[in-house]
Amino acid sequence: MLWVNGLMDITRFGHAALLLESGPHRVLIDPGTFSREEVFDLTGLDAIVVTHQHPDHVDPARIERLLAGNPDARLLAEPQTVAALEGFGVWEPTAADVTVELGRSMTLTGVGFEHAVIHPDMPRVGNVGILVEADGTRLFHPGDSYASVPRDVDVLAVPLSAPWAKVSETVDFVRAVAPRVVFPIHDCTISDVAYLVYWGRVAEMGGAEQALLLGQDGTTSA
């Protein structure tokens, strides 16, 4: 778990899945196929957010269990994903620059439009990242894209490895966002022995004040 400014708790549940807690609010982002099993047993969520339709960001085999345990949660997803999840609850479409308020102390704002290019021959799907603001702390989860750079980001959850990414692009994205704190997500495609080939470059070259390794099991290290 990562505790930011004493105001926001951040817990990873593997790959791109994050639980954000601030005051009375609990928001879960991208519970996918690579996520740990216990993420689908969480309860008391105010919102569940899915950045795009790829299964490593939303697991259709386990999402029903999560929704059953959170009948009052707002369900927010990129528009194509809303269509793909038809029959799995009532989802609201997200969009760039559209803000959803959770009470008075947390907002969720959409960022971006499209998934990064994997190969020119592959059709691109929609991707709307999410900017979460709570009590003055702003966290950005971009989904699968480096294209959009919101301003005044305090904490960046940076996708570290993907078929669409390379290390130089990851470093340049962190530099462009210029967060105070950066930690890796989207890293299940990296073996343990090779992990620092990716994270080491981002930590050394990204320019963030703190580069924290928030592990798959929720542990934190510099």
Protein backbone atom coordinates (compact mmCIF):
# COMPACT_ATOMS: atom_id res chain seq x y z
CA MET A 1 0.00 0.00 0.00
CA LEU A 2 1.13 3.54 -0.77
CA TRP A 3 -0.01 6.42 1.42
CA VAL A 4 0.15 9.80 -0.35
CA ASN A 5 0.13 13.05 1.64
CA GLY A 6 -1.77 11.24 4.38
CA LEU A 7 -4.86 11.63 2.20
CA MET A 8 -4.95 8.84 -0.37
CA ASP A 9 -4.24 5.13 0.08
CA ILE A 10 -3.22 3.26 -3.08
CA THR A 11 -3.18 -0.53 -3.19
CA ARG A 12 -2.18 -2.61 -6.21
CA PHE A 13 -3.90 -5.89 -6.98
CA GLY A 14 -1.66 -6.97 -9.81
CA HIS A 15 -0.96 -5.56 -13.26
CA ALA A 16 -3.21 -2.50 -13.83
CA ALA A 17 -5.69 -2.93 -10.95
CA LEU A 18 -5.61 -0.17 -8.32
CA LEU A 19 -7.75 0.45 -5.25
CA LEU A 20 -7.81 4.13 -4.27
CA GLU A 21 -9.15 5.14 -0.86
CA SER A 22 -9.61 8.67 0.44
CA GLY A 23 -11.88 9.59 3.32
CA PRO A 24 -15.09 7.61 2.89
CA HIS A 25 -14.50 6.83 -0.80
CA ARG A 26 -13.18 3.64 -2.40
CA VAL A 27 -12.57 3.43 -6.16
CA LEU A 28 -11.28 0.42 -8.09
CA ILE A 29 -9.63 0.79 -11.50
CA ASP A 30 -9.09 -1.94 -14.14
CA PRO A 31 -9.75 -5.33 -12.48
CA GLY A 32 -8.47 -7.59 -15.27
CA THR A 33 -7.36 -11.13 -16.00
CA PHE A 34 -3.88 -10.60 -14.53
CA SER A 35 -5.29 -9.12 -11.29
CA ARG A 36 -5.03 -11.00 -8.01
CA GLU A 37 -8.05 -13.08 -7.09
CA GLU A 38 -8.90 -11.07 -3.95
CA VAL A 39 -9.65 -7.92 -5.96
CA PHE A 40 -12.90 -9.53 -7.09
CA ASP A 41 -13.98 -10.00 -3.47
CA LEU A 42 -13.69 -6.30 -2.55
CA THR A 43 -16.82 -4.66 -1.17
CA GLY A 44 -17.85 -1.14 -0.21
CA LEU A 45 -16.71 0.38 -3.51
CA ASP A 46 -18.14 3.73 -4.58
CA ALA A 47 -17.04 3.29 -8.18
CA ILE A 48 -15.47 0.74 -10.53
CA VAL A 49 -13.63 2.23 -13.50
CA VAL A 50 -12.46 0.43 -16.65
CA THR A 51 -10.15 2.31 -19.01
CA HIS A 52 -10.65 0.00 -22.01
CA GLN A 53 -11.98 -3.35 -23.12
CA HIS A 54 -8.86 -5.53 -23.19
CA PRO A 55 -9.19 -8.47 -20.78
CA ASP A 56 -6.08 -7.56 -18.77
CA HIS A 57 -8.08 -4.47 -17.71
CA VAL A 58 -11.52 -6.05 -17.25
CA ASP A 59 -11.99 -9.77 -16.68
CA PRO A 60 -15.39 -10.87 -18.02
CA ALA A 61 -15.08 -14.22 -16.23
CA ARG A 62 -14.84 -12.62 -12.77
CA ILE A 63 -16.47 -9.19 -13.08
CA GLU A 64 -19.93 -10.48 -12.14
CA ARG A 65 -18.64 -11.53 -8.72
CA LEU A 66 -17.22 -8.06 -8.12
CA LEU A 67 -20.43 -6.36 -9.23
CA ALA A 68 -22.55 -8.62 -7.02
CA GLY A 69 -20.51 -7.54 -4.01
CA ASN A 70 -20.88 -3.85 -4.87
CA PRO A 71 -24.49 -3.30 -5.97
CA ASP A 72 -24.36 0.45 -5.26
CA ALA A 73 -21.08 1.23 -7.03
CA ARG A 74 -21.09 3.53 -10.04
CA LEU A 75 -19.80 1.64 -13.07
CA LEU A 76 -17.72 3.81 -15.40
CA ALA A 77 -16.04 2.68 -18.61
CA GLU A 78 -14.82 3.90 -21.98
CA PRO A 79 -17.77 3.86 -24.48
CA GLN A 80 -16.72 0.80 -26.52
CA THR A 81 -16.17 -1.04 -23.26
CA VAL A 82 -19.66 -0.10 -22.10
CA ALA A 83 -21.01 -1.90 -25.19
CA ALA A 84 -18.71 -4.89 -24.61
CA LEU A 85 -19.93 -5.20 -21.00
CA GLU A 86 -23.62 -5.19 -21.87
CA GLY A 87 -25.34 -7.65 -19.56
CA PHE A 88 -22.78 -7.06 -16.80
CA GLY A 89 -24.46 -4.26 -14.86
CA VAL A 90 -25.35 -0.76 -16.00
CA TRP A 91 -22.22 1.09 -17.09
CA GLU A 92 -21.85 4.83 -17.68
CA PRO A 93 -19.56 5.97 -20.52
CA THR A 94 -16.49 8.01 -19.64
CA ALA A 95 -15.04 10.68 -21.93
CA ALA A 96 -12.12 13.06 -22.06
CA ASP A 97 -12.55 16.07 -19.76
CA VAL A 98 -15.84 14.76 -18.32
CA THR A 99 -15.84 14.72 -14.51
CA VAL A 100 -17.82 12.49 -12.16
CA GLU A 101 -18.13 13.62 -8.54
CA LEU A 102 -18.17 11.17 -5.64
CA GLY A 103 -19.51 13.20 -2.78
CA ARG A 104 -17.60 16.41 -2.11
CA SER A 105 -14.11 15.05 -1.72
CA MET A 106 -13.30 12.93 -4.80
CA THR A 107 -13.63 13.49 -8.54
CA LEU A 108 -12.93 11.20 -11.50
CA THR A 109 -12.08 12.90 -14.82
CA GLY A 110 -11.63 11.13 -18.15
CA VAL A 111 -8.37 11.63 -20.06
CA GLY A 112 -7.71 10.70 -23.70
CA PHE A 113 -9.53 8.81 -26.43
CA GLU A 114 -7.64 5.88 -27.99
CA HIS A 115 -5.47 2.92 -27.09
CA ALA A 116 -1.84 3.17 -28.15
CA VAL A 117 -0.87 1.64 -31.51
CA ILE A 118 0.19 -2.00 -31.18
CA HIS A 119 0.64 -2.45 -34.94
CA PRO A 120 -0.71 -0.39 -37.84
CA ASP A 121 -2.58 -3.45 -39.14
CA MET A 122 -4.49 -3.82 -35.87
CA PRO A 123 -7.63 -1.70 -35.34
CA ARG A 124 -7.31 0.64 -32.36
CA VAL A 125 -9.86 0.47 -29.57
CA GLY A 126 -10.99 3.29 -27.32
CA ASN A 127 -9.07 4.12 -24.16
CA VAL A 128 -10.05 6.74 -21.59
CA GLY A 129 -7.60 7.13 -18.74
CA ILE A 130 -8.73 8.43 -15.38
CA LEU A 131 -7.53 11.38 -13.30
CA VAL A 132 -8.56 10.93 -9.67
CA GLU A 133 -8.50 13.96 -7.39
CA ALA A 134 -9.10 13.72 -3.65
CA ASP A 135 -8.36 16.44 -1.11
CA GLY A 136 -5.86 18.15 -3.38
CA THR A 137 -3.97 15.01 -4.49
CA ARG A 138 -4.20 14.13 -8.19
CA LEU A 139 -3.45 10.60 -9.41
CA PHE A 140 -3.37 9.63 -13.09
CA HIS A 141 -4.00 6.11 -14.42
CA PRO A 142 -3.64 6.34 -18.21
CA GLY A 143 -4.87 2.89 -19.17
CA ASP A 144 -2.93 1.86 -22.28
CA SER A 145 -1.70 5.13 -23.73
CA TYR A 146 1.05 7.70 -23.36
CA ALA A 147 -0.71 10.17 -25.67
CA SER A 148 -2.43 12.42 -23.13
CA VAL A 149 -0.56 14.43 -20.50
CA PRO A 150 -2.79 16.11 -17.90
CA ARG A 151 -1.38 18.96 -15.86
CA ASP A 152 -0.56 19.09 -12.16
CA VAL A 153 -0.36 15.32 -11.59
CA ASP A 154 1.00 14.42 -8.15
CA VAL A 155 1.08 10.64 -8.59
CA LEU A 156 1.47 8.73 -11.85
CA ALA A 157 0.68 5.04 -12.25
CA VAL A 158 2.85 4.38 -15.30
CA PRO A 159 2.35 1.39 -17.63
CA LEU A 160 5.79 -0.21 -17.61
CA SER A 161 5.64 -2.94 -20.26
CA ALA A 162 3.24 -3.64 -23.12
CA PRO A 163 3.19 -4.72 -26.78
CA TRP A 164 2.74 -1.04 -27.65
CA ALA A 165 5.48 0.48 -25.45
CA LYS A 166 9.26 0.79 -25.26
CA VAL A 167 11.46 2.07 -22.45
CA SER A 168 12.39 5.37 -24.12
CA GLU A 169 8.70 6.22 -24.57
CA THR A 170 7.97 5.32 -20.96
CA VAL A 171 10.73 7.60 -19.68
CA ASP A 172 9.61 10.47 -21.93
CA PHE A 173 6.01 10.06 -20.76
CA VAL A 174 7.02 10.27 -17.10
CA ARG A 175 9.08 13.36 -17.86
CA ALA A 176 6.15 14.97 -19.69
CA VAL A 177 3.67 14.28 -16.87
CA ALA A 178 6.28 15.38 -14.30
CA PRO A 179 4.66 13.79 -11.23
CA ARG A 180 6.09 14.06 -7.74
CA VAL A 181 5.61 10.30 -7.27
CA VAL A 182 5.67 7.56 -9.92
CA PHE A 183 5.07 3.85 -9.52
CA PRO A 184 4.73 1.03 -12.08
CA ILE A 185 1.61 -0.74 -13.28
CA HIS A 186 0.98 -2.95 -16.33
CA ASP A 187 4.05 -5.06 -15.63
CA CYS A 188 2.92 -8.69 -15.62
CA THR A 189 4.63 -9.15 -18.99
CA ILE A 190 8.08 -8.69 -17.39
CA SER A 191 9.98 -11.57 -15.79
CA ASP A 192 11.43 -11.03 -12.33
CA VAL A 193 15.00 -11.31 -13.59
CA ALA A 194 14.43 -8.60 -16.22
CA TYR A 195 12.30 -6.23 -14.16
CA LEU A 196 14.97 -3.66 -13.40
CA VAL A 197 15.83 -3.39 -17.10
CA TYR A 198 12.52 -1.54 -17.37
CA TRP A 199 11.87 -0.02 -13.96
CA GLY A 200 15.50 0.91 -13.36
CA ARG A 201 15.53 3.20 -16.39
CA VAL A 202 12.23 4.86 -15.44
CA ALA A 203 13.31 5.37 -11.82
CA GLU A 204 16.69 6.81 -12.81
CA MET A 205 15.67 8.90 -15.82
CA GLY A 206 12.00 9.83 -15.33
CA GLY A 207 12.72 12.80 -13.10
CA ALA A 208 10.10 12.13 -10.41
CA GLU A 209 11.01 13.07 -6.83
CA GLN A 210 9.99 9.58 -5.68
CA ALA A 211 10.04 6.43 -7.81
CA LEU A 212 8.37 3.73 -5.74
CA LEU A 213 8.05 0.08 -6.63
CA LEU A 214 4.51 -0.77 -5.58
CA GLY A 215 4.63 -4.52 -5.98
CA GLN A 216 2.06 -6.99 -7.23
CA ASP A 217 1.46 -8.01 -3.63
CA GLY A 218 0.92 -4.42 -2.46
CA THR A 219 4.36 -4.02 -0.87
CA THR A 220 6.29 -0.78 -1.45
CA SER A 221 9.98 -0.13 -1.93
CA ALA A 222 12.14 2.64 -3.39
